[in-house]
Amino acid sequence: MTAWQRLRTLVDGPLRLPGDPGFEQAGMPVNRRFATTRPAAVLSVAHPADVARAVEWARAASQPVSVRGGGHSYAGYSTSAGLVLDLRGLAGIRYDPDTGQVTVGGGTSMKALYAGLRPYGVTFPLGNSDTVGIGGLTLGGGVTTISRAHGLTCDALVSTDVVLADGSTVTASADRHPDLFWACRGGGGGNFGVNTAFTFQTRPAVPGSTCLVLWTWPHAVAVLSVMQQIMLAAPDEFSARIGVARTSDGEAVVSVLGYHLGPAEQLRELMAPAFATARPYRADITDHNFWQAATLLRHSSPDGAFAARNRCVPHAVDDAGLAVLVDAVRRWPGGGSPGGAGAALFAWGGAISRVPVADTAFPHRDTRFLLSLDTSWMRHDPPEVVRANLDWLHEHYDACADFAPDASYVNFTDPDLDGWQRAYYGPHADRLAEIKARYDPDRFFTFPQAV
């Protein structure tokens, strides 16, 4: 009996080897930049016991393990050349109306969560891409469209079940394994164990309004500048993504995509200074119930390969810095992906910043804007196009050092980031390393940027 045959006898979920039906789909990362990484096998776990048995087997077989939830790791860390534990079968949703808490499987997708919570009229800070998994979102912090009003995904976390490196399972909460619970609230996915379930405190899903506003390229710096000031003064109920982008076959565009937990009339008033600065060529501001808004704000990953880099900025970017961003996007070398390239400022603050930084492993409580830079290409693009895109991104990122610090959001994982320990975790890096040493002393759970 081979080692893989032995594993098959231990688990109930399907174990797929290269060439087996469904192998490619089970192990393929969302970011096709890392599509050449070929797992030795993929186990689609049927229940938490499969995870524990697989971890015990892998330790005995000296087989490296990686964990896949939604497969959205920007750096491709949800796959590897070893055994991939595909958690998407752990997708149960159980709501308790007496406590307002919801318990979900560790592989539950955003699409399933929105659908599962809608009948109860409740929510908590969720991602806006259907296939993003709850595990990666929560463990890295989880900044979402309602985070300025209601905090991070990890701020709503009540407890989580974790399979540790020795195959045992613990429940981490404020009262049980509090140090592990602290680490699971912003310390990044895949570092301390396999999270097979999460319990969150929900809140009512209230109606609101959305905006999609577009300007032509000559207004880029002026619009970005005034929108930052709007967001610095805005009530917590208003969140926005402010961006500049272009594609190979389309016009460059300046955009604001926003969500307000209030009526469209208020949202128009909030946006008035931007409208006065430059007239948009499109301005859709509309009332919606919570679920309609979530559908409109849904994001799809580029159909192909992409790379992104980011910086956490504790202040507005001045006009000179904005001009650097705009000029860089203008000089994008192009590629075959319809996703194109761009720069975006995600407005943070509000409820995010009111949680003391020491309370969770998420260190960026003082960030006011997440600056995200991205580019994309298709797998059939020639190597020189890929190289030009990556060179452009790195040059673009380095140019931002003059006005933005090196702090970085771990959920926008950057495989090219130097000094990532401090960039991702800031003052918490040493404590996370100490917790890692206690719960995984042999570093069984490892990857290129593992704690």
Protein backbone atom coordinates (compact mmCIF):
# COMPACT_ATOMS: atom_id res chain seq x y z
CA MET A 1 0.00 0.00 0.00
CA THR A 2 1.40 3.38 -1.01
CA ALA A 3 1.36 6.36 1.33
CA TRP A 4 -1.43 7.96 -0.70
CA GLN A 5 -3.47 4.76 -0.57
CA ARG A 6 -2.99 4.78 3.18
CA LEU A 7 -4.35 8.33 3.38
CA ARG A 8 -7.39 7.30 1.33
CA THR A 9 -8.25 4.69 3.95
CA LEU A 10 -8.15 7.32 6.70
CA VAL A 11 -10.44 9.99 5.26
CA ASP A 12 -13.96 10.21 3.88
CA GLY A 13 -13.42 13.06 1.42
CA PRO A 14 -12.05 12.38 -2.07
CA LEU A 15 -8.27 12.39 -2.47
CA ARG A 16 -7.27 13.36 -6.00
CA LEU A 17 -3.87 12.74 -7.55
CA PRO A 18 -2.57 14.29 -10.79
CA GLY A 19 -4.61 12.93 -13.68
CA ASP A 20 -7.66 12.12 -11.56
CA PRO A 21 -10.99 13.69 -12.57
CA GLY A 22 -11.47 17.01 -10.77
CA PHE A 23 -7.81 17.34 -9.75
CA GLU A 24 -7.19 20.56 -11.69
CA GLN A 25 -10.31 22.27 -10.40
CA ALA A 26 -9.67 21.24 -6.81
CA GLY A 27 -6.11 22.54 -6.72
CA MET A 28 -6.04 25.47 -9.15
CA PRO A 29 -5.45 28.89 -7.52
CA VAL A 30 -7.63 31.82 -8.54
CA ASN A 31 -4.53 33.77 -9.54
CA ARG A 32 -3.25 31.98 -12.64
CA ARG A 33 0.14 33.58 -12.09
CA PHE A 34 0.79 30.49 -9.98
CA ALA A 35 -0.97 27.94 -12.19
CA THR A 36 2.26 26.03 -12.81
CA THR A 37 2.40 24.98 -9.16
CA ARG A 38 1.32 21.33 -9.18
CA PRO A 39 0.15 19.75 -5.93
CA ALA A 40 1.19 16.18 -5.18
CA ALA A 41 -2.44 15.57 -4.19
CA VAL A 42 -5.60 17.42 -3.20
CA LEU A 43 -7.85 16.21 -0.39
CA SER A 44 -11.35 17.69 -0.53
CA VAL A 45 -12.20 17.22 3.12
CA ALA A 46 -15.66 15.98 4.03
CA HIS A 47 -15.64 17.07 7.69
CA PRO A 48 -13.21 18.40 10.33
CA ALA A 49 -12.06 14.90 11.28
CA ASP A 50 -10.63 14.54 7.76
CA VAL A 51 -8.43 17.55 8.44
CA ALA A 52 -7.11 16.10 11.70
CA ARG A 53 -6.42 12.70 10.15
CA ALA A 54 -4.71 14.27 7.14
CA VAL A 55 -2.48 16.42 9.34
CA GLU A 56 -1.46 13.41 11.42
CA TRP A 57 -0.76 11.40 8.24
CA ALA A 58 1.21 14.24 6.66
CA ARG A 59 3.44 14.62 9.70
CA ALA A 60 4.20 10.91 9.71
CA ALA A 61 4.83 10.92 5.95
CA SER A 62 6.91 14.14 6.03
CA GLN A 63 4.51 15.55 3.44
CA PRO A 64 4.13 19.35 3.37
CA VAL A 65 0.58 20.67 3.61
CA SER A 66 -1.11 23.81 2.36
CA VAL A 67 -4.66 24.94 3.07
CA ARG A 68 -7.16 26.10 0.48
CA GLY A 69 -10.33 27.94 1.42
CA GLY A 70 -11.47 30.06 -1.50
CA GLY A 71 -8.12 29.79 -3.28
CA HIS A 72 -7.78 33.59 -3.45
CA SER A 73 -4.29 33.97 -2.00
CA TYR A 74 -2.73 36.73 -4.10
CA ALA A 75 0.62 34.97 -3.69
CA GLY A 76 -0.66 31.49 -4.54
CA TYR A 77 -0.12 30.18 -1.02
CA SER A 78 -3.38 28.21 -1.13
CA THR A 79 -1.59 25.63 -3.25
CA SER A 80 1.84 24.02 -3.12
CA ALA A 81 3.83 21.04 -4.36
CA GLY A 82 2.63 19.00 -1.37
CA LEU A 83 -0.80 17.96 -0.11
CA VAL A 84 -3.50 20.60 -0.51
CA LEU A 85 -6.34 20.47 2.02
CA ASP A 86 -9.34 21.82 0.12
CA LEU A 87 -11.80 23.07 2.76
CA ARG A 88 -14.65 24.00 0.45
CA GLY A 89 -16.65 21.00 1.65
CA LEU A 90 -16.75 22.61 5.12
CA ALA A 91 -19.50 25.02 4.16
CA GLY A 92 -22.25 24.60 6.74
CA ILE A 93 -24.06 27.66 8.13
CA ARG A 94 -25.91 27.53 11.46
CA TYR A 95 -27.64 30.64 12.84
CA ASP A 96 -28.76 30.95 16.47
CA PRO A 97 -31.58 33.51 16.75
CA ASP A 98 -31.26 33.61 20.54
CA THR A 99 -27.68 34.90 20.48
CA GLY A 100 -27.53 36.40 17.00
CA GLN A 101 -24.44 34.32 16.36
CA VAL A 102 -23.69 32.32 13.23
CA THR A 103 -21.31 29.36 13.01
CA VAL A 104 -19.88 28.55 9.60
CA GLY A 105 -17.57 25.91 8.19
CA GLY A 106 -13.99 26.92 7.50
CA GLY A 107 -14.40 26.70 3.72
CA THR A 108 -17.65 28.66 3.42
CA SER A 109 -17.70 31.08 0.48
CA MET A 110 -19.06 34.60 0.49
CA LYS A 111 -21.79 33.59 -1.95
CA ALA A 112 -23.00 30.91 0.43
CA LEU A 113 -22.78 33.22 3.43
CA TYR A 114 -24.83 36.00 1.86
CA ALA A 115 -27.44 33.46 0.80
CA GLY A 116 -27.46 31.75 4.19
CA LEU A 117 -27.81 34.93 6.23
CA ARG A 118 -30.39 36.67 4.06
CA PRO A 119 -33.44 34.79 5.40
CA TYR A 120 -32.57 36.01 8.90
CA GLY A 121 -31.95 39.62 7.91
CA VAL A 122 -28.52 39.70 9.56
CA THR A 123 -24.93 40.10 8.45
CA PHE A 124 -21.41 40.88 9.62
CA PRO A 125 -18.45 42.31 7.67
CA LEU A 126 -18.21 40.02 4.63
CA GLY A 127 -16.10 40.11 1.48
CA ASN A 128 -17.49 41.16 -1.88
CA SER A 129 -16.26 38.35 -4.13
CA ASP A 130 -18.47 35.25 -4.38
CA THR A 131 -15.67 32.72 -4.16
CA VAL A 132 -13.58 34.27 -1.37
CA GLY A 133 -13.47 31.91 1.61
CA ILE A 134 -14.31 32.94 5.15
CA GLY A 135 -11.03 31.58 6.52
CA GLY A 136 -8.56 33.72 4.65
CA LEU A 137 -10.77 36.79 4.98
CA THR A 138 -11.07 36.49 8.76
CA LEU A 139 -7.56 35.37 9.62
CA GLY A 140 -5.97 38.32 7.82
CA GLY A 141 -8.36 40.83 9.40
CA GLY A 142 -11.03 41.26 6.77
CA VAL A 143 -11.63 44.84 5.62
CA THR A 144 -14.96 45.03 3.80
CA THR A 145 -17.54 47.48 2.49
CA ILE A 146 -19.13 47.94 5.92
CA SER A 147 -15.92 47.93 7.96
CA ARG A 148 -15.87 51.69 8.53
CA ALA A 149 -19.26 51.25 10.21
CA HIS A 150 -18.91 47.83 11.83
CA GLY A 151 -15.22 46.96 11.98
CA LEU A 152 -13.25 44.09 10.51
CA THR A 153 -14.46 40.57 9.91
CA CYS A 154 -12.14 39.42 12.70
CA ASP A 155 -13.70 41.96 15.06
CA ALA A 156 -16.98 40.02 14.80
CA LEU A 157 -15.27 36.70 15.55
CA VAL A 158 -16.45 34.98 18.74
CA SER A 159 -14.57 31.68 18.47
CA THR A 160 -12.87 29.38 15.99
CA ASP A 161 -12.09 25.65 15.87
CA VAL A 162 -8.46 24.95 14.92
CA VAL A 163 -6.73 21.70 14.02
CA LEU A 164 -3.20 22.11 15.34
CA ALA A 165 0.04 20.73 13.95
CA ASP A 166 -0.14 17.64 16.18
CA GLY A 167 -3.60 16.75 14.82
CA SER A 168 -5.48 17.81 17.94
CA THR A 169 -8.41 20.23 17.77
CA VAL A 170 -8.98 23.21 20.05
CA THR A 171 -11.59 25.94 20.22
CA ALA A 172 -10.01 29.37 20.53
CA SER A 173 -11.96 32.27 22.02
CA ALA A 174 -11.49 35.11 24.46
CA ASP A 175 -11.69 32.56 27.30
CA ARG A 176 -10.08 29.46 25.76
CA HIS A 177 -6.64 29.62 24.15
CA PRO A 178 -6.91 33.43 24.16
CA ASP A 179 -3.45 33.89 22.69
CA LEU A 180 -4.32 31.70 19.71
CA PHE A 181 -7.64 33.53 19.36
CA TRP A 182 -5.74 36.82 19.34
CA ALA A 183 -3.42 35.52 16.60
CA CYS A 184 -6.38 34.32 14.51
CA ARG A 185 -7.72 37.88 14.39
CA GLY A 186 -5.30 39.37 11.86
CA GLY A 187 -2.27 37.08 12.07
CA GLY A 188 -2.83 35.66 8.59
CA GLY A 189 -4.15 32.36 7.28
CA GLY A 190 -2.21 29.12 7.36
CA ASN A 191 0.14 30.12 10.16
CA PHE A 192 -1.15 28.42 13.30
CA GLY A 193 -3.32 25.53 12.16
CA VAL A 194 -6.32 24.70 10.01
CA ASN A 195 -9.43 26.66 11.02
CA THR A 196 -12.35 24.33 10.42
CA ALA A 197 -15.15 26.51 11.84
CA PHE A 198 -15.83 30.11 12.86
CA THR A 199 -18.53 31.69 15.02
CA PHE A 200 -19.41 35.34 14.48
CA GLN A 201 -21.67 37.89 16.13
CA THR A 202 -24.10 39.22 13.53
CA ARG A 203 -26.02 42.48 13.33
CA PRO A 204 -29.11 43.60 11.39
CA ALA A 205 -28.62 43.98 7.63
CA VAL A 206 -29.93 47.51 7.13
CA PRO A 207 -30.74 49.11 3.77
CA GLY A 208 -28.42 51.66 2.22
CA SER A 209 -27.30 53.18 -1.04
CA THR A 210 -24.50 52.67 -3.54
CA CYS A 211 -22.64 54.93 -5.91
CA LEU A 212 -20.68 54.33 -9.08
CA VAL A 213 -19.21 57.58 -10.33
CA LEU A 214 -16.82 57.94 -13.28
CA TRP A 215 -14.71 60.85 -14.51
CA THR A 216 -12.42 61.26 -17.51
CA TRP A 217 -8.68 61.08 -17.09
CA PRO A 218 -7.81 64.82 -17.03
CA HIS A 219 -9.67 65.14 -13.72
CA ALA A 220 -7.77 62.33 -11.99
CA VAL A 221 -5.60 64.22 -9.49
CA ALA A 222 -8.33 66.72 -8.58
CA VAL A 223 -10.93 63.99 -8.00
CA LEU A 224 -8.60 61.75 -6.02
CA SER A 225 -7.62 64.70 -3.85
CA VAL A 226 -11.13 65.86 -3.02
CA MET A 227 -12.39 62.30 -2.51
CA GLN A 228 -9.73 61.69 0.13
CA GLN A 229 -10.91 64.79 1.99
CA ILE A 230 -14.52 63.62 1.69
CA MET A 231 -13.61 60.26 3.19
CA LEU A 232 -11.54 61.74 6.01
CA ALA A 233 -14.59 63.72 7.10
CA ALA A 234 -17.28 61.20 6.14
CA PRO A 235 -19.48 59.43 8.68
CA ASP A 236 -18.59 55.83 9.43
CA GLU A 237 -21.59 54.67 7.41
CA PHE A 238 -19.90 55.66 4.12
CA SER A 239 -17.14 53.52 2.59
CA ALA A 240 -15.52 54.02 -0.79
CA ARG A 241 -12.91 52.72 -3.18
CA ILE A 242 -11.31 55.56 -5.15
CA GLY A 243 -9.34 54.50 -8.20
CA VAL A 244 -7.64 55.18 -11.49
CA ALA A 245 -7.39 52.41 -14.05
CA ARG A 246 -6.86 51.60 -17.69
CA THR A 247 -7.01 48.65 -20.04
CA SER A 248 -5.21 47.94 -23.29
CA ASP A 249 -8.25 48.64 -25.43
CA GLY A 250 -10.16 51.13 -23.31
CA GLU A 251 -10.03 54.69 -22.06
CA ALA A 252 -8.36 55.43 -18.76
CA VAL A 253 -10.95 56.17 -16.09
CA VAL A 254 -11.27 57.69 -12.64
CA SER A 255 -13.83 55.94 -10.45
CA VAL A 256 -15.50 55.97 -7.06
CA LEU A 257 -17.35 52.86 -5.95
CA GLY A 258 -19.09 53.50 -2.65
CA TYR A 259 -21.56 52.12 -0.15
CA HIS A 260 -23.50 54.15 2.39
CA LEU A 261 -25.60 52.73 5.21
CA GLY A 262 -28.10 55.50 4.64
CA PRO A 263 -30.32 56.92 1.90
CA ALA A 264 -29.14 57.97 -1.54
CA GLU A 265 -30.05 61.57 -0.77
CA GLN A 266 -27.41 61.65 1.97
CA LEU A 267 -24.90 59.95 -0.30
CA ARG A 268 -25.40 62.63 -2.96
CA GLU A 269 -24.71 65.28 -0.35
CA LEU A 270 -21.54 63.49 0.73
CA MET A 271 -20.35 63.32 -2.88
CA ALA A 272 -21.25 66.93 -3.70
CA PRO A 273 -17.70 68.34 -3.30
CA ALA A 274 -16.42 65.82 -5.85
CA PHE A 275 -19.18 66.75 -8.29
CA ALA A 276 -18.30 70.42 -7.82
CA THR A 277 -14.62 69.73 -8.52
CA ALA A 278 -15.26 68.03 -11.87
CA ARG A 279 -18.40 66.89 -13.61
CA PRO A 280 -18.56 63.09 -13.91
CA TYR A 281 -19.70 61.47 -17.11
CA ARG A 282 -21.54 58.82 -15.12
CA ALA A 283 -23.08 59.09 -11.67
CA ASP A 284 -25.28 56.23 -10.46
CA ILE A 285 -26.45 56.80 -6.89
CA THR A 286 -29.31 54.54 -5.86
CA ASP A 287 -31.14 53.21 -2.80
CA HIS A 288 -31.00 49.44 -2.23
CA ASN A 289 -31.69 46.89 0.41
CA PHE A 290 -28.56 45.33 1.88
CA TRP A 291 -28.64 42.28 -0.39
CA GLN A 292 -29.15 44.26 -3.59
CA ALA A 293 -26.21 46.46 -2.65
CA ALA A 294 -24.02 43.42 -2.01
CA THR A 295 -24.84 42.14 -5.50
CA LEU A 296 -24.01 45.47 -7.13
CA LEU A 297 -20.72 45.74 -5.26
CA ARG A 298 -19.63 42.22 -6.15
CA HIS A 299 -16.06 42.01 -7.41
CA SER A 300 -14.64 39.49 -9.86
CA SER A 301 -10.95 38.62 -10.05
CA PRO A 302 -9.20 39.16 -13.39
CA ASP A 303 -9.60 36.26 -15.80
CA GLY A 304 -5.97 35.29 -15.89
CA ALA A 305 -2.87 36.20 -13.92
CA PHE A 306 -2.39 39.26 -11.78
CA ALA A 307 0.00 40.85 -9.33
CA ALA A 308 -0.71 43.44 -6.68
CA ARG A 309 1.27 45.41 -4.12
CA ASN A 310 -0.05 47.63 -1.36
CA ARG A 311 0.82 50.15 1.30
CA CYS A 312 -1.15 51.16 4.41
CA VAL A 313 -1.23 54.97 4.53
CA PRO A 314 -2.08 56.81 7.79
CA HIS A 315 -2.93 60.08 6.02
CA ALA A 316 -4.18 61.47 2.73
CA VAL A 317 -1.78 61.24 -0.21
CA ASP A 318 -0.83 64.74 -1.30
CA ASP A 319 -1.23 66.01 -4.85
CA ALA A 320 2.39 65.31 -5.73
CA GLY A 321 1.94 61.69 -4.68
CA LEU A 322 -1.36 61.43 -6.55
CA ALA A 323 0.36 62.72 -9.67
CA VAL A 324 2.90 59.89 -9.32
CA LEU A 325 0.05 57.35 -9.20
CA VAL A 326 -1.76 58.84 -12.16
CA ASP A 327 1.37 59.07 -14.28
CA ALA A 328 2.31 55.49 -13.49
CA VAL A 329 -1.10 54.18 -14.57
CA ARG A 330 -0.80 56.25 -17.73
CA ARG A 331 2.52 54.48 -18.50
CA TRP A 332 1.23 50.93 -17.93
CA PRO A 333 2.83 48.72 -20.63
CA GLY A 334 -0.37 46.81 -21.43
CA GLY A 335 -1.36 43.16 -21.62
CA GLY A 336 -4.06 40.82 -22.83
CA SER A 337 -6.18 40.75 -19.67
CA PRO A 338 -9.43 42.72 -19.60
CA GLY A 339 -8.60 43.50 -15.96
CA GLY A 340 -5.94 45.99 -17.04
CA ALA A 341 -4.06 47.82 -14.31
CA GLY A 342 -4.57 50.62 -11.86
CA ALA A 343 -4.18 52.20 -8.46
CA ALA A 344 -6.86 52.38 -5.80
CA LEU A 345 -7.30 54.06 -2.44
CA PHE A 346 -9.59 52.11 -0.11
CA ALA A 347 -10.94 54.35 2.65
CA TRP A 348 -10.38 52.85 6.10
CA GLY A 349 -10.79 54.48 9.51
CA GLY A 350 -14.08 54.70 11.36
CA ALA A 351 -14.85 51.62 13.45
CA ILE A 352 -11.62 49.98 12.28
CA SER A 353 -9.54 52.59 14.09
CA ARG A 354 -11.57 52.52 17.32
CA VAL A 355 -10.41 49.02 18.31
CA PRO A 356 -7.19 49.29 20.35
CA VAL A 357 -4.29 48.01 18.29
CA ALA A 358 -3.25 45.56 21.02
CA ASP A 359 -6.65 43.84 21.11
CA THR A 360 -6.10 41.81 17.92
CA ALA A 361 -3.18 40.75 15.75
CA PHE A 362 -4.33 43.17 13.02
CA PRO A 363 -1.84 46.05 13.35
CA HIS A 364 -3.07 48.70 10.90
CA ARG A 365 -5.73 50.40 13.03
CA ASP A 366 -4.35 53.87 12.21
CA THR A 367 -4.49 53.38 8.43
CA ARG A 368 -6.75 55.86 6.69
CA PHE A 369 -6.25 54.60 3.12
CA LEU A 370 -5.04 51.30 1.74
CA LEU A 371 -3.13 52.06 -1.43
CA SER A 372 -3.38 49.06 -3.76
CA LEU A 373 -1.48 48.80 -7.04
CA ASP A 374 -2.29 46.04 -9.50
CA THR A 375 -1.63 44.73 -12.97
CA SER A 376 -2.86 41.72 -14.92
CA TRP A 377 -2.09 39.64 -17.98
CA MET A 378 -3.25 36.47 -19.71
CA ARG A 379 -1.34 33.21 -19.57
CA HIS A 380 -0.89 33.29 -23.34
CA ASP A 381 0.82 36.71 -23.20
CA PRO A 382 4.50 36.40 -24.19
CA PRO A 383 7.13 36.41 -21.40
CA GLU A 384 8.29 39.90 -22.30
CA VAL A 385 4.78 41.25 -21.62
CA VAL A 386 4.67 39.54 -18.22
CA ARG A 387 8.12 40.86 -17.37
CA ALA A 388 7.15 44.39 -18.44
CA ASN A 389 4.04 44.25 -16.25
CA LEU A 390 5.96 43.08 -13.19
CA ASP A 391 8.76 45.61 -13.75
CA TRP A 392 6.13 48.33 -14.04
CA LEU A 393 4.45 47.22 -10.80
CA HIS A 394 7.70 47.11 -8.82
CA GLU A 395 8.81 50.51 -10.13
CA HIS A 396 5.37 51.90 -9.33
CA TYR A 397 5.46 50.47 -5.80
CA ASP A 398 8.97 51.81 -5.12
CA ALA A 399 7.99 55.28 -6.33
CA CYS A 400 5.26 55.38 -3.67
CA ALA A 401 7.81 55.07 -0.86
CA ASP A 402 8.20 58.86 -0.88
CA PHE A 403 4.65 59.38 0.40
CA ALA A 404 3.47 56.02 1.76
CA PRO A 405 5.07 53.76 4.42
CA ASP A 406 6.04 50.13 3.88
CA ALA A 407 3.21 48.74 6.03
CA SER A 408 1.19 46.16 4.06
CA TYR A 409 -2.15 44.36 4.40
CA VAL A 410 -1.57 40.60 4.66
CA ASN A 411 -4.82 39.70 2.86
CA PHE A 412 -3.41 41.40 -0.26
CA THR A 413 -0.44 39.07 0.10
CA ASP A 414 2.65 40.29 -1.77
CA PRO A 415 5.18 37.54 -2.63
CA ASP A 416 7.73 40.18 -3.65
CA LEU A 417 7.62 42.10 -0.35
CA ASP A 418 10.89 42.54 1.52
CA GLY A 419 10.67 42.79 5.30
CA TRP A 420 7.20 41.31 5.21
CA GLN A 421 7.16 40.35 8.91
CA ARG A 422 7.12 44.00 10.02
CA ALA A 423 5.18 45.21 7.01
CA TYR A 424 2.30 42.79 7.63
CA TYR A 425 2.35 42.64 11.41
CA GLY A 426 4.11 45.77 12.67
CA PRO A 427 4.40 45.76 16.49
CA HIS A 428 2.81 42.29 16.68
CA ALA A 429 5.47 40.40 14.71
CA ASP A 430 7.39 39.17 17.76
CA ARG A 431 4.28 38.08 19.67
CA LEU A 432 2.98 36.18 16.65
CA ALA A 433 6.34 34.40 16.31
CA GLU A 434 6.16 33.40 20.01
CA ILE A 435 2.61 32.03 19.59
CA LYS A 436 3.70 30.16 16.47
CA ALA A 437 6.57 28.57 18.42
CA ARG A 438 4.15 27.29 21.09
CA TYR A 439 1.40 25.97 18.83
CA ASP A 440 3.56 24.80 15.92
CA PRO A 441 7.10 24.39 17.28
CA ASP A 442 8.30 22.34 14.29
CA ARG A 443 6.84 24.80 11.77
CA PHE A 444 4.74 22.08 10.19
CA PHE A 445 2.49 24.76 8.69
CA THR A 446 4.86 26.71 6.50
CA PHE A 447 5.04 28.63 3.23
CA PRO A 448 7.36 31.38 1.94
CA GLN A 449 5.87 34.08 4.19
CA ALA A 450 4.77 31.94 7.15
CA VAL A 451 5.18 33.38 10.62
